[in-house]
N, C-alpha and C. Protein backbone atom coordinates (compact mmCIF):
# COMPACT_ATOMS: atom_id res chain seq x y z
N MET A 1 116.24 109.91 206.99
CA MET A 1 115.32 108.92 206.23
C MET A 1 114.74 107.92 207.68
N ASP A 2 113.85 107.82 207.65
CA ASP A 2 113.28 106.82 208.54
C ASP A 2 113.22 105.38 208.11
N VAL A 3 112.55 104.58 209.10
CA VAL A 3 112.68 103.17 208.87
C VAL A 3 111.40 102.97 207.76
N ALA A 4 110.38 103.58 207.78
CA ALA A 4 109.29 103.31 206.79
C ALA A 4 109.95 103.56 205.18
N ALA A 5 110.62 104.82 205.12
CA ALA A 5 111.33 105.64 203.83
C ALA A 5 112.41 104.13 203.57
N ALA A 6 113.14 103.87 204.23
CA ALA A 6 114.16 102.85 204.17
C ALA A 6 113.87 101.52 203.59
N LYS A 7 112.42 100.88 204.11
CA LYS A 7 111.76 100.12 203.80
C LYS A 7 111.66 99.90 202.17
N THR A 8 111.11 101.49 201.63
CA THR A 8 110.65 101.30 200.38
C THR A 8 111.60 101.55 199.37
N ARG A 9 112.69 101.88 199.81
CA ARG A 9 113.95 102.04 199.34
C ARG A 9 115.09 100.72 198.95
N MET A 10 115.05 99.90 200.01
CA MET A 10 115.95 98.68 200.09
C MET A 10 114.94 97.85 200.68
N PRO A 11 113.86 97.24 199.84
CA PRO A 11 113.23 96.04 200.72
C PRO A 11 113.88 94.82 200.76
N TRP A 12 115.20 94.46 200.09
CA TRP A 12 115.92 93.36 200.15
C TRP A 12 116.59 93.44 201.68
N PHE A 13 116.86 94.52 201.92
CA PHE A 13 117.34 94.62 203.68
C PHE A 13 116.36 93.88 204.70
N TYR A 14 115.12 94.22 204.26
CA TYR A 14 114.28 93.81 205.29
C TYR A 14 113.32 92.35 205.02
N ALA A 15 114.41 91.53 204.03
CA ALA A 15 113.88 90.48 203.75
C ALA A 15 113.76 88.95 205.12
N GLU A 16 113.20 88.16 205.03
CA GLU A 16 113.07 87.45 206.17
C GLU A 16 114.20 86.77 206.95
N ASP A 17 115.60 86.90 205.88
CA ASP A 17 116.80 86.10 206.28
C ASP A 17 117.51 87.58 206.75
N HIS A 18 117.00 88.43 206.98
CA HIS A 18 117.70 89.71 207.92
C HIS A 18 116.97 90.13 208.91
N GLU A 19 117.54 89.92 209.94
CA GLU A 19 117.22 90.12 211.36
C GLU A 19 117.59 91.23 212.17
N ILE A 20 116.29 92.19 212.57
CA ILE A 20 116.52 93.56 213.13
C ILE A 20 116.10 93.63 214.51
N MET A 21 116.81 93.72 215.15
CA MET A 21 116.42 93.80 216.63
C MET A 21 116.81 94.92 217.27
N TRP A 22 115.51 95.75 217.77
CA TRP A 22 115.42 97.27 218.17
C TRP A 22 115.60 96.62 219.59
N ASN A 23 116.57 97.66 220.51
CA ASN A 23 116.92 98.21 221.95
C ASN A 23 116.86 99.52 222.02
N LYS A 24 116.64 100.04 223.50
CA LYS A 24 116.37 101.22 223.77
C LYS A 24 117.40 102.16 223.39
N ASP A 25 118.87 101.60 223.56
CA ASP A 25 119.91 102.52 222.88
C ASP A 25 120.69 102.17 221.47
N TYR A 26 120.27 100.91 221.03
CA TYR A 26 120.89 100.61 219.99
C TYR A 26 120.37 99.76 219.00
N ALA A 27 120.46 99.63 217.74
CA ALA A 27 119.73 98.45 217.02
C ALA A 27 120.83 97.40 216.24
N ARG A 28 120.60 96.21 216.62
CA ARG A 28 121.23 95.02 216.14
C ARG A 28 121.10 94.78 214.83
N ILE A 29 121.63 94.25 213.69
CA ILE A 29 121.25 94.03 212.08
C ILE A 29 121.95 92.77 211.87
N LEU A 30 121.52 91.82 211.64
CA LEU A 30 122.14 90.50 211.46
C LEU A 30 121.42 89.90 210.13
N LEU A 31 122.70 89.88 209.33
CA LEU A 31 122.34 89.24 208.06
C LEU A 31 122.76 87.64 208.01
N ASN A 32 122.50 86.92 207.15
CA ASN A 32 122.83 85.68 206.68
C ASN A 32 122.79 84.77 208.27
N PRO A 33 121.43 84.91 209.03
CA PRO A 33 121.43 84.15 210.50
C PRO A 33 121.65 82.72 209.75
N GLU A 34 121.52 81.88 208.88
CA GLU A 34 121.36 80.54 208.62
C GLU A 34 122.85 80.13 208.29
N LEU A 35 123.69 81.11 208.30
CA LEU A 35 125.01 80.50 207.51
C LEU A 35 125.87 80.09 208.93
N GLU A 36 126.90 79.58 209.16
CA GLU A 36 127.85 79.53 209.75
C GLU A 36 127.99 80.76 211.02
N ILE A 37 128.40 80.42 212.13
CA ILE A 37 128.76 81.85 212.93
C ILE A 37 129.68 83.01 212.51
N TYR A 38 130.62 82.35 211.60
CA TYR A 38 131.58 83.33 211.26
C TYR A 38 131.43 83.92 210.01
N ASP A 39 130.46 83.31 209.32
CA ASP A 39 129.72 84.06 208.28
C ASP A 39 128.66 85.06 208.22
N HIS A 40 128.07 84.90 209.41
CA HIS A 40 127.22 86.09 209.79
C HIS A 40 128.02 87.55 209.97
N VAL A 41 126.77 88.33 209.28
CA VAL A 41 127.46 89.76 209.27
C VAL A 41 126.52 90.41 210.51
N ASN A 42 127.23 91.21 211.05
CA ASN A 42 126.56 92.05 212.33
C ASN A 42 126.74 93.22 212.05
N TYR A 43 125.73 94.24 212.26
CA TYR A 43 125.88 95.52 212.18
C TYR A 43 125.26 96.20 213.52
N PHE A 44 126.17 97.28 214.29
CA PHE A 44 125.24 97.54 215.56
C PHE A 44 125.45 99.05 215.03
N VAL A 45 124.12 99.94 215.35
CA VAL A 45 123.98 101.32 215.32
C VAL A 45 123.14 101.81 216.45
N ARG A 46 124.00 103.31 216.79
CA ARG A 46 123.41 103.84 218.08
C ARG A 46 123.64 105.49 217.59
N LYS A 47 123.16 106.06 218.07
CA LYS A 47 123.35 107.47 218.22
C LYS A 47 124.57 108.05 219.17
N SER A 48 125.45 109.03 218.92
CA SER A 48 126.66 109.22 219.63
C SER A 48 126.05 109.96 221.03
N ILE A 49 126.82 109.61 222.01
CA ILE A 49 126.70 110.07 223.38
C ILE A 49 126.88 111.08 223.32
N GLU A 50 127.97 111.89 222.46
CA GLU A 50 128.35 113.42 222.61
C GLU A 50 127.83 114.02 221.78
N ASP A 51 127.39 113.91 220.50
CA ASP A 51 126.32 114.44 219.56
C ASP A 51 125.28 113.54 218.94
N ASP A 52 124.19 114.09 219.11
CA ASP A 52 123.11 113.54 218.71
C ASP A 52 122.75 113.39 217.50
N LYS A 53 123.57 114.20 216.71
CA LYS A 53 123.41 114.18 215.21
C LYS A 53 124.23 113.67 214.53
N LYS A 54 125.21 112.36 215.25
CA LYS A 54 125.94 111.69 214.71
C LYS A 54 125.42 110.16 214.78
N LEU A 55 125.75 109.39 214.02
CA LEU A 55 125.21 107.80 214.15
C LEU A 55 126.42 107.05 214.04
N LEU A 56 126.56 106.16 214.99
CA LEU A 56 127.80 105.35 215.14
C LEU A 56 127.70 103.82 214.39
N LEU A 57 128.38 103.42 213.71
CA LEU A 57 128.03 101.68 213.41
C LEU A 57 129.40 101.10 213.37
N VAL A 58 128.95 99.86 213.86
CA VAL A 58 130.10 98.99 213.91
C VAL A 58 129.63 97.97 213.32
N GLY A 59 130.42 97.18 212.58
CA GLY A 59 129.84 96.02 211.67
C GLY A 59 131.22 94.60 211.97
N TYR A 60 130.70 93.81 211.99
CA TYR A 60 131.91 92.64 211.97
C TYR A 60 131.20 91.06 211.29
N TRP A 61 132.57 90.65 210.64
CA TRP A 61 132.06 89.08 210.08
C TRP A 61 133.32 88.74 210.02
N LYS A 62 133.21 87.12 209.82
CA LYS A 62 134.26 86.33 209.94
C LYS A 62 135.23 86.41 211.13
N GLY A 63 134.70 86.75 212.27
CA GLY A 63 135.28 86.90 213.44
C GLY A 63 135.85 88.34 213.67
N ALA A 64 136.89 88.37 214.32
CA ALA A 64 137.87 89.73 214.81
C ALA A 64 138.55 90.27 213.29
N TRP A 65 138.59 89.47 212.36
CA TRP A 65 139.68 89.74 211.32
C TRP A 65 138.92 90.87 210.35
N TYR A 66 137.48 90.94 210.40
CA TYR A 66 136.80 92.02 209.38
C TYR A 66 135.92 92.93 210.33
N ARG A 67 136.27 93.87 210.59
CA ARG A 67 135.64 94.96 211.34
C ARG A 67 135.42 96.47 210.64
N VAL A 68 134.35 96.80 210.53
CA VAL A 68 134.10 98.44 210.44
C VAL A 68 133.80 99.33 211.46
N PHE A 69 134.40 100.32 211.48
CA PHE A 69 133.93 101.41 212.68
C PHE A 69 133.62 102.32 211.39
N CYS A 70 132.37 103.32 211.88
CA CYS A 70 131.99 104.35 211.19
C CYS A 70 131.22 105.53 211.92
N GLU A 71 131.47 106.66 211.61
CA GLU A 71 130.76 107.73 212.51
C GLU A 71 130.17 108.53 211.05
N LEU A 72 128.59 108.61 211.16
CA LEU A 72 127.67 109.25 210.24
C LEU A 72 126.92 110.35 210.66
N ASN A 73 127.20 111.30 209.74
CA ASN A 73 126.57 112.58 210.04
C ASN A 73 125.19 112.59 209.77
N MET A 74 124.23 113.22 210.43
CA MET A 74 122.81 113.13 209.76
C MET A 74 122.50 113.90 208.52
N ASN A 75 121.77 113.68 207.74
CA ASN A 75 121.49 114.35 206.53
C ASN A 75 120.15 115.37 207.20
N GLU A 76 120.15 116.55 206.57
CA GLU A 76 119.37 117.85 206.98
C GLU A 76 118.68 117.89 205.84
């Protein structure tokens, strides 16, 4: 799914209170930017260096206590 398709399927994710920053090698998604720093939800996504068919996702919120690490396979 590309960004345009995602916007139509999940319009709430692209609301003004969600910030998406695109960089050359990764994207950062910040949810709830208006809240205290430890209530922010941050996601970082990028393609795997070893296998470009895999997407790597790191998420964290409430400091170091809450983190997720995922390896996602591309749909074909």
